[in-house]
Amino acid sequence: PFVSHTSKNHGVLYELIDSIIKTEQIAAEINVLPSLNMAKYYFSQEDALAMIGHDFNLNKENQKKAIFIPVLAIDEYYFYYASNTDKPLNWTGKLSAFKDKTYGATKGENVQVYKKAGIHIKYARLPALLKKMQQQQVDFIREPELTVDTLIEHTLPKEKNAVIKMQPKAGKMLLGIVFNKNHKDGKQAAKQFKAGLKKMISNGQFEAVLQKHLGSDAKMKDYVNFSN
């Protein structure tokens, strides 16, 4: 729902970033690629100007040439699939609550904290992870609520009430753009983008785009907390 071929205007993150690129006259065209691995390939091997999304998990070499600018801070939650006979998972705020359970992760995700807590890992793309939860091959996943709700509508519409969101929040996902210092325009484009983002937030356009995609009750203050 944040960057997608199927979402309105390609999603809220796409529209925010595209608006800033056009307003600041940054010479760039956004291409929506089917996987994070492809985006990272173009960033590292083809010296693309930038890439957008989340959980880039760049290696040390690529981190040195990356300028990450957060655009959205999205609350994340843990979710599990509940049947009539399942015992509810008890998320206490500490990963030790999930010891010996299986966490559904996407490829490239940093899972060291889960392994350290004695949690098993199973990898798949997110639509497949939802089905693996239903089939009891995966016990829980971590995603923004909007992402899970959107996927359920497309993949398991009759199972919406069976996918349970656990409280408290699991943390925040930072969505944004990472500019490439090795690109000839990378540093200057990052500087222009930061200025454009600041203007978009102050003039109300940022909140207008949020409400267009997320509903009239979406407030900017809930999406620009980049401190964690």
C-alpha atoms as a PDB file:
ATOM      1  CA  PRO A   1       0.000   0.000   0.000  1.00  0.00           C
ATOM      2  CA  PHE A   2       3.010   2.342   0.344  1.00  0.00           C
ATOM      3  CA  VAL A   3       4.709   1.666  -3.020  1.00  0.00           C
ATOM      4  CA  SER A   4       2.654  -0.440  -5.401  1.00  0.00           C
ATOM      5  CA  HIS A   5       1.502  -0.860  -8.992  1.00  0.00           C
ATOM      6  CA  THR A   6      -2.045  -1.486  -7.752  1.00  0.00           C
ATOM      7  CA  SER A   7      -2.462   1.332  -5.194  1.00  0.00           C
ATOM      8  CA  LYS A   8      -3.859   4.740  -6.082  1.00  0.00           C
ATOM      9  CA  ASN A   9      -1.048   6.941  -7.446  1.00  0.00           C
ATOM     10  CA  HIS A  10       1.297   3.987  -6.690  1.00  0.00           C
ATOM     11  CA  GLY A  11       0.826   4.438  -2.940  1.00  0.00           C
ATOM     12  CA  VAL A  12       1.303   7.150  -0.342  1.00  0.00           C
ATOM     13  CA  LEU A  13       5.122   6.934  -0.084  1.00  0.00           C
ATOM     14  CA  TYR A  14       5.482   6.997  -3.870  1.00  0.00           C
ATOM     15  CA  GLU A  15       3.260  10.075  -4.216  1.00  0.00           C
ATOM     16  CA  LEU A  16       5.042  11.966  -1.422  1.00  0.00           C
ATOM     17  CA  ILE A  17       8.480  11.295  -2.897  1.00  0.00           C
ATOM     18  CA  ASP A  18       7.378  11.908  -6.486  1.00  0.00           C
ATOM     19  CA  SER A  19       5.831  15.248  -5.480  1.00  0.00           C
ATOM     20  CA  ILE A  20       9.067  16.395  -3.833  1.00  0.00           C
ATOM     21  CA  ILE A  21      11.183  15.261  -6.802  1.00  0.00           C
ATOM     22  CA  LYS A  22       9.005  17.266  -9.196  1.00  0.00           C
ATOM     23  CA  THR A  23       8.719  20.350  -6.969  1.00  0.00           C
ATOM     24  CA  GLU A  24      12.473  20.496  -6.390  1.00  0.00           C
ATOM     25  CA  GLN A  25      13.184  19.720 -10.068  1.00  0.00           C
ATOM     26  CA  ILE A  26      15.371  16.726  -9.230  1.00  0.00           C
ATOM     27  CA  ALA A  27      16.232  14.898 -12.453  1.00  0.00           C
ATOM     28  CA  ALA A  28      14.840  11.472 -11.636  1.00  0.00           C
ATOM     29  CA  GLU A  29      12.114   9.075 -12.732  1.00  0.00           C
ATOM     30  CA  ILE A  30      10.737   6.500 -10.293  1.00  0.00           C
ATOM     31  CA  ASN A  31      10.563   2.895 -11.487  1.00  0.00           C
ATOM     32  CA  VAL A  32       8.633   0.409  -9.331  1.00  0.00           C
ATOM     33  CA  LEU A  33      10.640  -2.828  -9.263  1.00  0.00           C
ATOM     34  CA  PRO A  34       9.215  -6.203  -8.219  1.00  0.00           C
ATOM     35  CA  SER A  35      11.692  -6.942  -5.446  1.00  0.00           C
ATOM     36  CA  LEU A  36      14.010  -5.314  -2.929  1.00  0.00           C
ATOM     37  CA  ASN A  37      16.908  -7.369  -4.302  1.00  0.00           C
ATOM     38  CA  MET A  38      16.469  -5.776  -7.729  1.00  0.00           C
ATOM     39  CA  ALA A  39      16.394  -2.289  -6.199  1.00  0.00           C
ATOM     40  CA  LYS A  40      19.579  -3.013  -4.226  1.00  0.00           C
ATOM     41  CA  TYR A  41      21.241  -4.372  -7.378  1.00  0.00           C
ATOM     42  CA  TYR A  42      20.589  -1.186  -9.317  1.00  0.00           C
ATOM     43  CA  PHE A  43      21.711   0.906  -6.344  1.00  0.00           C
ATOM     44  CA  SER A  44      24.995  -0.979  -5.872  1.00  0.00           C
ATOM     45  CA  GLN A  45      25.872  -2.157  -9.398  1.00  0.00           C
ATOM     46  CA  GLU A  46      24.279   0.377 -11.729  1.00  0.00           C
ATOM     47  CA  ASP A  47      24.801   3.419  -9.484  1.00  0.00           C
ATOM     48  CA  ALA A  48      21.146   4.448  -9.502  1.00  0.00           C
ATOM     49  CA  LEU A  49      20.492   7.905  -8.044  1.00  0.00           C
ATOM     50  CA  ALA A  50      18.378   6.533  -5.200  1.00  0.00           C
ATOM     51  CA  MET A  51      15.944   3.854  -4.097  1.00  0.00           C
ATOM     52  CA  ILE A  52      12.773   4.095  -2.048  1.00  0.00           C
ATOM     53  CA  GLY A  53      11.132   1.731   0.405  1.00  0.00           C
ATOM     54  CA  HIS A  54      12.079   0.224   3.775  1.00  0.00           C
ATOM     55  CA  ASP A  55      14.394  -2.318   5.416  1.00  0.00           C
ATOM     56  CA  PHE A  56      17.201  -1.749   2.951  1.00  0.00           C
ATOM     57  CA  ASN A  57      19.601  -3.744   5.150  1.00  0.00           C
ATOM     58  CA  LEU A  58      22.598  -2.490   3.159  1.00  0.00           C
ATOM     59  CA  ASN A  59      25.996  -4.117   3.557  1.00  0.00           C
ATOM     60  CA  LYS A  60      28.869  -2.069   4.998  1.00  0.00           C
ATOM     61  CA  GLU A  61      30.168  -1.055   1.573  1.00  0.00           C
ATOM     62  CA  ASN A  62      26.807   0.298   0.434  1.00  0.00           C
ATOM     63  CA  GLN A  63      26.155   1.981   3.794  1.00  0.00           C
ATOM     64  CA  LYS A  64      29.210   4.182   3.191  1.00  0.00           C
ATOM     65  CA  LYS A  65      27.681   5.627   0.047  1.00  0.00           C
ATOM     66  CA  ALA A  66      24.086   5.885   1.295  1.00  0.00           C
ATOM     67  CA  ILE A  67      22.205   8.977   2.465  1.00  0.00           C
ATOM     68  CA  PHE A  68      18.924   7.790   3.974  1.00  0.00           C
ATOM     69  CA  ILE A  69      16.113  10.334   4.375  1.00  0.00           C
ATOM     70  CA  PRO A  70      13.032   9.047   6.251  1.00  0.00           C
ATOM     71  CA  VAL A  71       9.695  10.228   4.873  1.00  0.00           C
ATOM     72  CA  LEU A  72       7.171   8.175   6.861  1.00  0.00           C
ATOM     73  CA  ALA A  73       7.340   6.513  10.284  1.00  0.00           C
ATOM     74  CA  ILE A  74       4.770   3.704  10.388  1.00  0.00           C
ATOM     75  CA  ASP A  75       3.717   1.802  13.527  1.00  0.00           C
ATOM     76  CA  GLU A  76       4.373  -1.938  13.283  1.00  0.00           C
ATOM     77  CA  TYR A  77       2.579  -4.730  15.124  1.00  0.00           C
ATOM     78  CA  TYR A  78       2.937  -8.474  15.546  1.00  0.00           C
ATOM     79  CA  PHE A  79       0.144 -10.548  14.023  1.00  0.00           C
ATOM     80  CA  TYR A  80      -0.877 -14.179  14.452  1.00  0.00           C
ATOM     81  CA  TYR A  81      -3.584 -16.413  13.012  1.00  0.00           C
ATOM     82  CA  ALA A  82      -6.160 -17.649  15.511  1.00  0.00           C
ATOM     83  CA  SER A  83      -8.404 -20.662  14.970  1.00  0.00           C
ATOM     84  CA  ASN A  84     -11.071 -21.915  17.372  1.00  0.00           C
ATOM     85  CA  THR A  85      -8.625 -24.365  18.957  1.00  0.00           C
ATOM     86  CA  ASP A  86      -5.446 -22.266  19.049  1.00  0.00           C
ATOM     87  CA  LYS A  87      -4.141 -20.796  22.261  1.00  0.00           C
ATOM     88  CA  PRO A  88      -3.654 -17.017  21.765  1.00  0.00           C
ATOM     89  CA  LEU A  89      -0.083 -15.771  21.619  1.00  0.00           C
ATOM     90  CA  ASN A  90       0.844 -13.570  24.547  1.00  0.00           C
ATOM     91  CA  TRP A  91       3.055 -10.663  23.414  1.00  0.00           C
ATOM     92  CA  THR A  92       4.357  -8.938  26.530  1.00  0.00           C
ATOM     93  CA  GLY A  93       6.673  -6.454  24.876  1.00  0.00           C
ATOM     94  CA  LYS A  94       9.645  -8.821  25.141  1.00  0.00           C
ATOM     95  CA  LEU A  95      10.658 -11.287  22.431  1.00  0.00           C
ATOM     96  CA  SER A  96      11.170 -13.968  25.073  1.00  0.00           C
ATOM     97  CA  ALA A  97       7.367 -14.384  24.921  1.00  0.00           C
ATOM     98  CA  PHE A  98       7.842 -15.997  21.476  1.00  0.00           C
ATOM     99  CA  LYS A  99      10.582 -18.461  22.430  1.00  0.00           C
ATOM    100  CA  ASP A 100      10.382 -21.689  20.338  1.00  0.00           C
ATOM    101  CA  LYS A 101       7.789 -20.080  18.038  1.00  0.00           C
ATOM    102  CA  THR A 102       8.362 -19.515  14.306  1.00  0.00           C
ATOM    103  CA  TYR A 103       8.675 -15.975  12.965  1.00  0.00           C
ATOM    104  CA  GLY A 104       7.790 -15.287   9.335  1.00  0.00           C
ATOM    105  CA  ALA A 105      10.465 -13.063   7.766  1.00  0.00           C
ATOM    106  CA  THR A 106      10.971 -11.606   4.323  1.00  0.00           C
ATOM    107  CA  LYS A 107      14.256 -12.263   2.531  1.00  0.00           C
ATOM    108  CA  GLY A 108      16.974  -9.809   3.550  1.00  0.00           C
ATOM    109  CA  GLU A 109      15.324  -8.935   6.866  1.00  0.00           C
ATOM    110  CA  ASN A 110      17.642  -8.691   9.865  1.00  0.00           C
ATOM    111  CA  VAL A 111      16.478 -11.498  12.170  1.00  0.00           C
ATOM    112  CA  GLN A 112      19.353 -11.694  14.646  1.00  0.00           C
ATOM    113  CA  VAL A 113      17.268 -10.466  17.605  1.00  0.00           C
ATOM    114  CA  TYR A 114      14.727 -13.223  16.978  1.00  0.00           C
ATOM    115  CA  LYS A 115      17.359 -15.936  16.760  1.00  0.00           C
ATOM    116  CA  LYS A 116      18.959 -14.634  19.966  1.00  0.00           C
ATOM    117  CA  ALA A 117      15.563 -14.967  21.698  1.00  0.00           C
ATOM    118  CA  GLY A 118      15.280 -18.627  20.661  1.00  0.00           C
ATOM    119  CA  ILE A 119      12.776 -18.004  17.878  1.00  0.00           C
ATOM    120  CA  HIS A 120      12.794 -20.064  14.682  1.00  0.00           C
ATOM    121  CA  ILE A 121      12.768 -18.295  11.297  1.00  0.00           C
ATOM    122  CA  LYS A 122      10.905 -19.139   8.105  1.00  0.00           C
ATOM    123  CA  TYR A 123      11.390 -16.972   5.002  1.00  0.00           C
ATOM    124  CA  ALA A 124       8.859 -16.136   2.299  1.00  0.00           C
ATOM    125  CA  ARG A 125       7.284 -13.177   0.550  1.00  0.00           C
ATOM    126  CA  LEU A 126       4.602 -11.528   2.643  1.00  0.00           C
ATOM    127  CA  PRO A 127       1.503 -12.938   0.828  1.00  0.00           C
ATOM    128  CA  ALA A 128       2.960 -16.432   1.286  1.00  0.00           C
ATOM    129  CA  LEU A 129       3.677 -15.747   4.971  1.00  0.00           C
ATOM    130  CA  LEU A 130       0.009 -14.966   5.590  1.00  0.00           C
ATOM    131  CA  LYS A 131      -0.955 -18.324   4.123  1.00  0.00           C
ATOM    132  CA  LYS A 132       1.781 -20.064   6.108  1.00  0.00           C
ATOM    133  CA  MET A 133       0.295 -18.545   9.272  1.00  0.00           C
ATOM    134  CA  GLN A 134      -3.082 -19.937   8.286  1.00  0.00           C
ATOM    135  CA  GLN A 135      -1.466 -23.348   7.709  1.00  0.00           C
ATOM    136  CA  GLN A 136       0.339 -23.127  11.094  1.00  0.00           C
ATOM    137  CA  GLN A 137       3.791 -23.211   9.470  1.00  0.00           C
ATOM    138  CA  VAL A 138       4.484 -19.707  10.824  1.00  0.00           C
ATOM    139  CA  ASP A 139       3.331 -18.446  14.216  1.00  0.00           C
ATOM    140  CA  PHE A 140       3.644 -14.681  13.816  1.00  0.00           C
ATOM    141  CA  ILE A 141       4.793 -11.845  11.556  1.00  0.00           C
ATOM    142  CA  ARG A 142       5.639  -8.156  12.037  1.00  0.00           C
ATOM    143  CA  GLU A 143       4.173  -5.551   9.685  1.00  0.00           C
ATOM    144  CA  PRO A 144       2.240  -2.253   9.598  1.00  0.00           C
ATOM    145  CA  GLU A 145      -1.501  -2.758  10.088  1.00  0.00           C
ATOM    146  CA  LEU A 146      -2.339  -1.186   6.726  1.00  0.00           C
ATOM    147  CA  THR A 147      -0.027  -3.625   4.919  1.00  0.00           C
ATOM    148  CA  VAL A 148      -1.627  -6.653   6.559  1.00  0.00           C
ATOM    149  CA  ASP A 149      -5.193  -5.384   6.030  1.00  0.00           C
ATOM    150  CA  THR A 150      -4.499  -4.737   2.339  1.00  0.00           C
ATOM    151  CA  LEU A 151      -2.973  -8.170   1.797  1.00  0.00           C
ATOM    152  CA  ILE A 152      -5.799  -9.941   3.604  1.00  0.00           C
ATOM    153  CA  GLU A 153      -8.309  -8.254   1.298  1.00  0.00           C
ATOM    154  CA  HIS A 154      -6.407  -9.617  -1.712  1.00  0.00           C
ATOM    155  CA  THR A 155      -5.370 -13.063  -0.482  1.00  0.00           C
ATOM    156  CA  LEU A 156      -7.554 -14.178   2.454  1.00  0.00           C
ATOM    157  CA  PRO A 157     -10.669 -11.971   2.459  1.00  0.00           C
ATOM    158  CA  LYS A 158     -12.759 -14.490   4.415  1.00  0.00           C
ATOM    159  CA  GLU A 159     -10.091 -14.789   7.119  1.00  0.00           C
ATOM    160  CA  LYS A 160      -9.912 -11.158   8.198  1.00  0.00           C
ATOM    161  CA  ASN A 161     -11.229 -11.789  11.707  1.00  0.00           C
ATOM    162  CA  ALA A 162      -8.795 -14.666  12.229  1.00  0.00           C
ATOM    163  CA  VAL A 163      -5.651 -12.512  11.814  1.00  0.00           C
ATOM    164  CA  ILE A 164      -5.085 -10.945  15.215  1.00  0.00           C
ATOM    165  CA  LYS A 165      -3.083  -7.784  15.897  1.00  0.00           C
ATOM    166  CA  MET A 166      -1.147  -7.960  19.155  1.00  0.00           C
ATOM    167  CA  GLN A 167      -0.554  -5.073  21.532  1.00  0.00           C
ATOM    168  CA  PRO A 168       1.681  -3.294  22.449  1.00  0.00           C
ATOM    169  CA  LYS A 169       3.220  -1.984  19.221  1.00  0.00           C
ATOM    170  CA  ALA A 170       6.247  -3.873  17.980  1.00  0.00           C
ATOM    171  CA  GLY A 171       8.064  -0.712  16.896  1.00  0.00           C
ATOM    172  CA  LYS A 172       8.273   1.640  13.930  1.00  0.00           C
ATOM    173  CA  MET A 173       9.116   1.070  10.289  1.00  0.00           C
ATOM    174  CA  LEU A 174      10.916   3.973   8.643  1.00  0.00           C
ATOM    175  CA  LEU A 175       9.981   4.408   4.991  1.00  0.00           C
ATOM    176  CA  GLY A 176      11.921   6.793   2.827  1.00  0.00           C
ATOM    177  CA  ILE A 177      14.547   7.318   0.182  1.00  0.00           C
ATOM    178  CA  VAL A 178      18.256   6.507   0.196  1.00  0.00           C
ATOM    179  CA  PHE A 179      20.435   8.563  -2.129  1.00  0.00           C
ATOM    180  CA  ASN A 180      23.635   7.245  -3.671  1.00  0.00           C
ATOM    181  CA  LYS A 181      26.747   9.323  -2.903  1.00  0.00           C
ATOM    182  CA  ASN A 182      28.559   7.646  -5.815  1.00  0.00           C
ATOM    183  CA  HIS A 183      26.064   9.046  -8.297  1.00  0.00           C
ATOM    184  CA  LYS A 184      27.227  12.384  -9.680  1.00  0.00           C
ATOM    185  CA  ASP A 185      24.021  14.082  -8.517  1.00  0.00           C
ATOM    186  CA  GLY A 186      23.499  12.041  -5.332  1.00  0.00           C
ATOM    187  CA  LYS A 187      24.628  14.499  -2.663  1.00  0.00           C
ATOM    188  CA  GLN A 188      22.994  17.527  -4.273  1.00  0.00           C
ATOM    189  CA  ALA A 189      19.746  15.650  -4.887  1.00  0.00           C
ATOM    190  CA  ALA A 190      19.668  14.552  -1.230  1.00  0.00           C
ATOM    191  CA  LYS A 191      20.106  18.163  -0.134  1.00  0.00           C
ATOM    192  CA  GLN A 192      17.288  19.315  -2.445  1.00  0.00           C
ATOM    193  CA  PHE A 193      15.032  16.491  -1.285  1.00  0.00           C
ATOM    194  CA  LYS A 194      15.491  17.339   2.403  1.00  0.00           C
ATOM    195  CA  ALA A 195      14.548  20.950   1.689  1.00  0.00           C
ATOM    196  CA  GLY A 196      11.533  19.850  -0.350  1.00  0.00           C
ATOM    197  CA  LEU A 197      10.321  17.484   2.375  1.00  0.00           C
ATOM    198  CA  LYS A 198      10.552  20.249   4.973  1.00  0.00           C
ATOM    199  CA  LYS A 199       8.497  22.573   2.757  1.00  0.00           C
ATOM    200  CA  MET A 200       5.901  19.885   2.050  1.00  0.00           C
ATOM    201  CA  ILE A 201       5.427  19.263   5.765  1.00  0.00           C
ATOM    202  CA  SER A 202       5.160  22.962   6.651  1.00  0.00           C
ATOM    203  CA  ASN A 203       2.729  23.961   3.859  1.00  0.00           C
ATOM    204  CA  GLY A 204       0.203  21.203   4.567  1.00  0.00           C
ATOM    205  CA  GLN A 205       0.694  19.255   1.347  1.00  0.00           C
ATOM    206  CA  PHE A 206       2.221  16.315   3.246  1.00  0.00           C
ATOM    207  CA  GLU A 207      -0.878  15.859   5.398  1.00  0.00           C
ATOM    208  CA  ALA A 208      -3.164  16.294   2.364  1.00  0.00           C
ATOM    209  CA  VAL A 209      -1.445  13.373   0.593  1.00  0.00           C
ATOM    210  CA  LEU A 210      -1.678  11.260   3.756  1.00  0.00           C
ATOM    211  CA  GLN A 211      -5.414  11.876   4.033  1.00  0.00           C
ATOM    212  CA  LYS A 212      -5.932  11.172   0.349  1.00  0.00           C
ATOM    213  CA  HIS A 213      -4.511   7.669   0.801  1.00  0.00           C
ATOM    214  CA  LEU A 214      -5.128   6.845   4.465  1.00  0.00           C
ATOM    215  CA  GLY A 215      -8.378   8.657   5.273  1.00  0.00           C
ATOM    216  CA  SER A 216      -9.426  12.037   6.614  1.00  0.00           C
ATOM    217  CA  ASP A 217      -8.413  11.127  10.175  1.00  0.00           C
ATOM    218  CA  ALA A 218      -4.746  10.618   9.218  1.00  0.00           C
ATOM    219  CA  LYS A 219      -2.633  13.211  11.038  1.00  0.00           C
ATOM    220  CA  MET A 220       0.840  14.273  10.000  1.00  0.00           C
ATOM    221  CA  LYS A 221       2.168  14.150  13.581  1.00  0.00           C
ATOM    222  CA  ASP A 222       1.597  10.385  13.632  1.00  0.00           C
ATOM    223  CA  TYR A 223       3.774   9.799  10.553  1.00  0.00           C
ATOM    224  CA  VAL A 224       6.765  12.136  10.883  1.00  0.00           C
ATOM    225  CA  ASN A 225       8.280  10.859  14.141  1.00  0.00           C
ATOM    226  CA  PHE A 226      11.649   9.709  12.787  1.00  0.00           C
ATOM    227  CA  SER A 227      13.411   9.457  16.139  1.00  0.00           C
ATOM    228  CA  ASN A 228      13.135   5.643  16.368  1.00  0.00           C
END
